[in-house]
Amino acid sequence: MERRIVKDVMSIKELSEYVGLSKSKIYQLIRNKRIPASKIGRQYKFSKEIIDSWLKEKIITCSGDVQMKLPIGKKEKDITAVKASKPKKEEVKENGSKKEEEKGS
């Protein structure tokens, strides 16, 4: 098993290997200012310590409160509730009064 030495300051290529992202994805993150980078001359450099902190900050966790239970079977009242919650758009009749119509029907 080959063991790579990770430098304290990395290039795009070294960062790509370190975090497992393509070079083009890293450039995209830089353009969108979503990854900490330093530009030295024409090259981007990355501090291993800062990248490690950035990775720790980007950890996504879900609490049990956020998740909701999905219905096991489709019941007629569930289907009715879904139909009732469809957004409506207003349409003006020829006589000037408004008529509501369901989208997607």
C-alpha atoms as a PDB file:
ATOM      1  CA  MET A   1       0.000   0.000   0.000  1.00  0.00           C
ATOM      2  CA  GLU A   2       1.454   3.321  -1.101  1.00  0.00           C
ATOM      3  CA  ARG A   3       1.537   6.025   1.538  1.00  0.00           C
ATOM      4  CA  ARG A   4       1.552   9.628   0.345  1.00  0.00           C
ATOM      5  CA  ILE A   5       3.060  12.493   2.261  1.00  0.00           C
ATOM      6  CA  VAL A   6       0.642  15.379   2.636  1.00  0.00           C
ATOM      7  CA  LYS A   7       2.335  18.762   2.586  1.00  0.00           C
ATOM      8  CA  ASP A   8       1.336  21.708   4.773  1.00  0.00           C
ATOM      9  CA  VAL A   9       0.723  23.737   1.599  1.00  0.00           C
ATOM     10  CA  MET A  10      -0.859  21.985  -1.366  1.00  0.00           C
ATOM     11  CA  SER A  11      -1.359  22.703  -5.062  1.00  0.00           C
ATOM     12  CA  ILE A  12      -4.630  22.071  -6.933  1.00  0.00           C
ATOM     13  CA  LYS A  13      -3.412  18.599  -7.931  1.00  0.00           C
ATOM     14  CA  GLU A  14      -2.332  17.700  -4.403  1.00  0.00           C
ATOM     15  CA  LEU A  15      -5.595  19.023  -2.945  1.00  0.00           C
ATOM     16  CA  SER A  16      -7.534  17.033  -5.530  1.00  0.00           C
ATOM     17  CA  GLU A  17      -5.852  13.833  -4.375  1.00  0.00           C
ATOM     18  CA  TYR A  18      -6.191  14.784  -0.695  1.00  0.00           C
ATOM     19  CA  VAL A  19      -9.941  15.503  -0.671  1.00  0.00           C
ATOM     20  CA  GLY A  20     -10.970  13.235  -3.555  1.00  0.00           C
ATOM     21  CA  LEU A  21     -12.414  15.930  -5.820  1.00  0.00           C
ATOM     22  CA  SER A  22     -11.577  16.558  -9.456  1.00  0.00           C
ATOM     23  CA  LYS A  23      -9.425  19.558 -10.338  1.00  0.00           C
ATOM     24  CA  SER A  24     -12.319  21.086 -12.285  1.00  0.00           C
ATOM     25  CA  LYS A  25     -14.578  20.807  -9.206  1.00  0.00           C
ATOM     26  CA  ILE A  26     -11.939  22.549  -7.096  1.00  0.00           C
ATOM     27  CA  TYR A  27     -11.677  25.366  -9.666  1.00  0.00           C
ATOM     28  CA  GLN A  28     -15.477  25.673  -9.563  1.00  0.00           C
ATOM     29  CA  LEU A  29     -15.408  25.934  -5.758  1.00  0.00           C
ATOM     30  CA  ILE A  30     -12.714  28.623  -6.001  1.00  0.00           C
ATOM     31  CA  ARG A  31     -14.742  30.636  -8.555  1.00  0.00           C
ATOM     32  CA  ASN A  32     -17.804  30.459  -6.309  1.00  0.00           C
ATOM     33  CA  LYS A  33     -15.679  31.341  -3.236  1.00  0.00           C
ATOM     34  CA  ARG A  34     -16.767  28.152  -1.488  1.00  0.00           C
ATOM     35  CA  ILE A  35     -13.288  26.839  -0.572  1.00  0.00           C
ATOM     36  CA  PRO A  36     -10.455  28.682   1.214  1.00  0.00           C
ATOM     37  CA  ALA A  37      -7.636  29.308  -1.254  1.00  0.00           C
ATOM     38  CA  SER A  38      -4.633  31.600  -1.601  1.00  0.00           C
ATOM     39  CA  LYS A  39      -3.424  32.824  -4.960  1.00  0.00           C
ATOM     40  CA  ILE A  40       0.323  33.146  -5.199  1.00  0.00           C
ATOM     41  CA  GLY A  41       1.261  34.544  -8.583  1.00  0.00           C
ATOM     42  CA  ARG A  42      -0.855  32.554 -11.043  1.00  0.00           C
ATOM     43  CA  GLN A  43      -1.212  29.469  -8.864  1.00  0.00           C
ATOM     44  CA  TYR A  44      -3.663  28.595  -6.121  1.00  0.00           C
ATOM     45  CA  LYS A  45      -2.292  27.149  -2.893  1.00  0.00           C
ATOM     46  CA  PHE A  46      -4.149  25.532  -0.022  1.00  0.00           C
ATOM     47  CA  SER A  47      -3.167  25.235   3.633  1.00  0.00           C
ATOM     48  CA  LYS A  48      -3.728  21.697   4.898  1.00  0.00           C
ATOM     49  CA  GLU A  49      -4.720  23.035   8.328  1.00  0.00           C
ATOM     50  CA  ILE A  50      -7.316  25.423   6.851  1.00  0.00           C
ATOM     51  CA  ILE A  51      -8.664  22.777   4.457  1.00  0.00           C
ATOM     52  CA  ASP A  52      -9.047  20.329   7.376  1.00  0.00           C
ATOM     53  CA  SER A  53     -11.008  22.985   9.305  1.00  0.00           C
ATOM     54  CA  TRP A  54     -13.106  23.740   6.210  1.00  0.00           C
ATOM     55  CA  LEU A  55     -13.910  20.046   5.809  1.00  0.00           C
ATOM     56  CA  LYS A  56     -14.962  19.783   9.468  1.00  0.00           C
ATOM     57  CA  GLU A  57     -17.257  22.809   9.075  1.00  0.00           C
ATOM     58  CA  LYS A  58     -18.915  21.278   5.994  1.00  0.00           C
ATOM     59  CA  ILE A  59     -20.002  18.098   7.777  1.00  0.00           C
ATOM     60  CA  ILE A  60     -23.737  17.650   7.259  1.00  0.00           C
ATOM     61  CA  THR A  61     -25.703  16.224  10.125  1.00  0.00           C
ATOM     62  CA  CYS A  62     -29.436  15.651  10.448  1.00  0.00           C
ATOM     63  CA  SER A  63     -31.335  15.831  13.681  1.00  0.00           C
ATOM     64  CA  GLY A  64     -34.287  13.521  14.245  1.00  0.00           C
ATOM     65  CA  ASP A  65     -36.590  16.561  14.421  1.00  0.00           C
ATOM     66  CA  VAL A  66     -35.998  17.480  10.790  1.00  0.00           C
ATOM     67  CA  GLN A  67     -37.090  14.146   9.383  1.00  0.00           C
ATOM     68  CA  MET A  68     -40.761  13.446   8.888  1.00  0.00           C
ATOM     69  CA  LYS A  69     -42.551  10.149   8.606  1.00  0.00           C
ATOM     70  CA  LEU A  70     -43.792   9.095   5.206  1.00  0.00           C
ATOM     71  CA  PRO A  71     -47.224   7.494   4.896  1.00  0.00           C
ATOM     72  CA  ILE A  72     -47.003   3.736   4.449  1.00  0.00           C
ATOM     73  CA  GLY A  73     -50.053   3.292   2.231  1.00  0.00           C
ATOM     74  CA  LYS A  74     -51.970   5.718   0.041  1.00  0.00           C
ATOM     75  CA  LYS A  75     -55.340   6.325   1.581  1.00  0.00           C
ATOM     76  CA  GLU A  76     -58.138   8.198  -0.137  1.00  0.00           C
ATOM     77  CA  LYS A  77     -57.972  11.042   2.400  1.00  0.00           C
ATOM     78  CA  ASP A  78     -54.196  11.391   1.786  1.00  0.00           C
ATOM     79  CA  ILE A  79     -54.803  11.673  -1.959  1.00  0.00           C
ATOM     80  CA  THR A  80     -57.552  14.258  -1.359  1.00  0.00           C
ATOM     81  CA  ALA A  81     -55.208  16.282   0.843  1.00  0.00           C
ATOM     82  CA  VAL A  82     -52.566  16.294  -1.898  1.00  0.00           C
ATOM     83  CA  LYS A  83     -55.095  17.444  -4.507  1.00  0.00           C
ATOM     84  CA  ALA A  84     -56.362  20.176  -2.194  1.00  0.00           C
ATOM     85  CA  SER A  85     -52.835  21.474  -1.643  1.00  0.00           C
ATOM     86  CA  LYS A  86     -52.078  21.986  -5.369  1.00  0.00           C
ATOM     87  CA  PRO A  87     -51.286  25.629  -6.125  1.00  0.00           C
ATOM     88  CA  LYS A  88     -53.979  27.526  -7.993  1.00  0.00           C
ATOM     89  CA  LYS A  89     -53.515  30.193 -10.610  1.00  0.00           C
ATOM     90  CA  GLU A  90     -55.928  32.972 -11.232  1.00  0.00           C
ATOM     91  CA  GLU A  91     -57.403  33.422 -14.638  1.00  0.00           C
ATOM     92  CA  VAL A  92     -59.503  36.364 -15.783  1.00  0.00           C
ATOM     93  CA  LYS A  93     -62.762  35.462 -17.546  1.00  0.00           C
ATOM     94  CA  GLU A  94     -63.951  37.380 -20.555  1.00  0.00           C
ATOM     95  CA  ASN A  95     -66.365  39.408 -18.410  1.00  0.00           C
ATOM     96  CA  GLY A  96     -63.504  40.580 -16.160  1.00  0.00           C
ATOM     97  CA  SER A  97     -64.198  38.381 -13.110  1.00  0.00           C
ATOM     98  CA  LYS A  98     -61.512  36.063 -11.775  1.00  0.00           C
ATOM     99  CA  LYS A  99     -61.668  32.291 -12.049  1.00  0.00           C
ATOM    100  CA  GLU A 100     -59.299  29.943 -10.198  1.00  0.00           C
ATOM    101  CA  GLU A 101     -57.957  26.924 -12.006  1.00  0.00           C
ATOM    102  CA  GLU A 102     -55.651  24.147 -10.754  1.00  0.00           C
ATOM    103  CA  LYS A 103     -52.191  23.937 -12.316  1.00  0.00           C
ATOM    104  CA  GLY A 104     -51.356  20.723 -14.085  1.00  0.00           C
ATOM    105  CA  SER A 105     -54.973  19.670 -14.641  1.00  0.00           C
END
